[in-house]
Amino acid sequence: MGFFGTFVYSDGHWSEAASGSPYLSIEVHDSDIATVTFVPAGTSEGIFYLGFQPRDYFEDPTASGPVDLDAESTGVTTWASQILGTEVAPEDVRPLLAVAGTTEPKDDFVELTVGRLLALLNLPIPDGFPETQ
């Protein structure tokens, strides 16, 4: 059995729920999918996946909507700049995002991908999150 957990970054710290807006939320499902949502989203939808997209993982096209990977990469880097003061290029984030289809992700465990995303955003690993090294 893989790891399950929800971590929300808002008001300068990690918790299980947003204590305000803006926020960034990471929900890990069975070490295979991480759903990342962020508010404000700007011109993007404010949601993307690491590992697998749910529609592919569950073989159900209704499990998640289509994701514009370029828009979401730009959206989360804009969020990081505005909220955290962290400058990161969308092209550095884009390879981490789950692509549509049955492509196997680079990492066997999505926690490793989450760790790389957090490092790019200059966010600490939340308490209770599995080791990512």
Protein backbone atom coordinates (compact mmCIF):
# COMPACT_ATOMS: atom_id res chain seq x y z
CA MET A 1 0.00 0.00 0.00
CA GLY A 2 1.27 3.44 -0.92
CA PHE A 3 1.19 6.74 0.88
CA PHE A 4 -1.95 8.88 1.22
CA GLY A 5 -1.94 12.42 2.58
CA THR A 6 -3.08 16.00 2.14
CA PHE A 7 -0.84 18.99 2.79
CA VAL A 8 -1.83 22.63 2.41
CA TYR A 9 0.55 25.58 2.39
CA SER A 10 -1.05 28.88 3.41
CA ASP A 11 -0.14 31.80 5.61
CA GLY A 12 3.52 30.71 5.62
CA HIS A 13 3.12 27.15 6.93
CA TRP A 14 1.90 23.64 6.11
CA SER A 15 -1.30 22.24 7.61
CA GLU A 16 -4.13 19.88 6.66
CA ALA A 17 -6.47 22.68 5.53
CA ALA A 18 -6.10 26.17 4.13
CA SER A 19 -6.04 28.79 6.85
CA GLY A 20 -6.57 31.48 4.27
CA SER A 21 -6.20 32.36 0.67
CA PRO A 22 -3.86 32.13 -1.18
CA TYR A 23 -2.82 28.51 -0.78
CA LEU A 24 -1.18 25.52 -2.47
CA SER A 25 -2.58 22.06 -1.76
CA ILE A 26 -0.97 18.69 -2.47
CA GLU A 27 -3.04 15.53 -2.12
CA VAL A 28 -1.15 12.25 -2.57
CA HIS A 29 -3.10 9.14 -3.57
CA ASP A 30 -1.42 5.75 -3.09
CA SER A 31 2.06 7.10 -4.03
CA ASP A 32 0.92 7.22 -7.68
CA ILE A 33 -0.97 10.51 -8.05
CA ALA A 34 -0.44 13.92 -6.50
CA THR A 35 -3.17 16.45 -7.15
CA VAL A 36 -1.78 19.97 -6.88
CA THR A 37 -4.20 22.88 -6.59
CA PHE A 38 -3.36 26.51 -6.04
CA VAL A 39 -5.28 29.73 -5.42
CA PRO A 40 -5.16 32.28 -6.86
CA ALA A 41 -4.80 30.50 -10.16
CA GLY A 42 -4.46 33.58 -12.39
CA THR A 43 -5.20 32.62 -15.98
CA SER A 44 -4.84 28.86 -15.40
CA GLU A 45 -7.34 26.43 -13.87
CA GLY A 46 -5.17 26.05 -10.77
CA ILE A 47 -4.93 22.26 -10.86
CA PHE A 48 -2.48 19.72 -12.21
CA TYR A 49 -1.23 16.25 -11.40
CA LEU A 50 2.11 14.64 -10.70
CA GLY A 51 2.69 10.96 -11.42
CA PHE A 52 -0.44 9.98 -13.30
CA GLN A 53 -3.52 11.94 -14.26
CA PRO A 54 -6.53 10.36 -12.50
CA ARG A 55 -8.34 9.80 -15.81
CA ASP A 56 -5.48 7.53 -16.91
CA TYR A 57 -4.73 5.90 -13.56
CA PHE A 58 -8.34 4.85 -13.02
CA GLU A 59 -8.98 4.28 -16.75
CA ASP A 60 -11.98 6.59 -16.44
CA PRO A 61 -12.12 9.76 -18.55
CA THR A 62 -14.50 11.32 -16.00
CA ALA A 63 -12.01 10.97 -13.12
CA SER A 64 -10.32 14.26 -14.05
CA GLY A 65 -10.62 16.94 -16.66
CA PRO A 66 -8.02 17.67 -19.32
CA VAL A 67 -5.01 19.68 -18.13
CA ASP A 68 -3.26 22.40 -20.13
CA LEU A 69 0.25 21.58 -18.93
CA ASP A 70 1.81 24.78 -20.28
CA ALA A 71 -0.85 27.00 -18.69
CA GLU A 72 -0.59 25.20 -15.35
CA SER A 73 3.22 25.35 -15.35
CA THR A 74 2.99 29.09 -15.94
CA GLY A 75 0.20 29.43 -13.39
CA VAL A 76 2.06 27.76 -10.54
CA THR A 77 5.27 29.68 -11.26
CA THR A 78 3.30 32.93 -11.26
CA TRP A 79 1.75 31.86 -7.95
CA ALA A 80 5.23 31.17 -6.55
CA SER A 81 6.48 34.56 -7.68
CA GLN A 82 3.51 36.51 -6.32
CA ILE A 83 2.95 34.58 -3.10
CA LEU A 84 6.38 33.27 -2.16
CA GLY A 85 8.68 35.68 -3.97
CA THR A 86 10.29 32.64 -5.63
CA GLU A 87 11.30 32.95 -9.25
CA VAL A 88 11.16 29.69 -11.18
CA ALA A 89 10.76 29.19 -14.92
CA PRO A 90 7.67 27.35 -16.21
CA GLU A 91 9.95 25.16 -18.35
CA ASP A 92 11.58 23.88 -15.15
CA VAL A 93 8.21 22.84 -13.68
CA ARG A 94 6.61 21.50 -16.88
CA PRO A 95 8.58 18.18 -17.01
CA LEU A 96 7.26 17.25 -13.56
CA LEU A 97 3.59 17.40 -14.56
CA ALA A 98 1.73 14.20 -15.44
CA VAL A 99 1.02 13.95 -19.15
CA ALA A 100 -2.19 12.52 -20.56
CA GLY A 101 -2.04 8.89 -21.61
CA THR A 102 -0.54 5.81 -20.07
CA THR A 103 3.02 7.11 -20.00
CA GLU A 104 4.85 5.81 -16.96
CA PRO A 105 6.13 8.65 -14.78
CA LYS A 106 9.85 9.12 -14.28
CA ASP A 107 9.61 8.42 -10.55
CA ASP A 108 8.33 5.15 -9.10
CA PHE A 109 6.82 7.08 -6.18
CA VAL A 110 5.08 10.42 -6.70
CA GLU A 111 6.51 11.66 -3.40
CA LEU A 112 9.86 12.04 -5.18
CA THR A 113 8.26 14.24 -7.84
CA VAL A 114 6.50 16.29 -5.15
CA GLY A 115 9.87 16.78 -3.45
CA ARG A 116 11.38 18.12 -6.66
CA LEU A 117 8.43 20.48 -7.16
CA LEU A 118 8.72 21.80 -3.60
CA ALA A 119 12.45 22.34 -4.07
CA LEU A 120 11.80 24.37 -7.24
CA LEU A 121 9.19 26.46 -5.42
CA ASN A 122 11.56 26.86 -2.45
CA LEU A 123 9.01 25.34 -0.07
CA PRO A 124 9.99 23.06 2.82
CA ILE A 125 8.88 19.44 2.95
CA PRO A 126 5.80 19.31 5.21
CA ASP A 127 5.91 17.42 8.50
CA GLY A 128 4.60 13.89 8.03
CA PHE A 129 5.57 13.75 4.35
CA PRO A 130 7.67 10.70 3.40
CA GLU A 131 11.41 11.07 2.86
CA THR A 132 12.08 12.28 -0.68
CA GLN A 133 15.81 11.66 -0.93
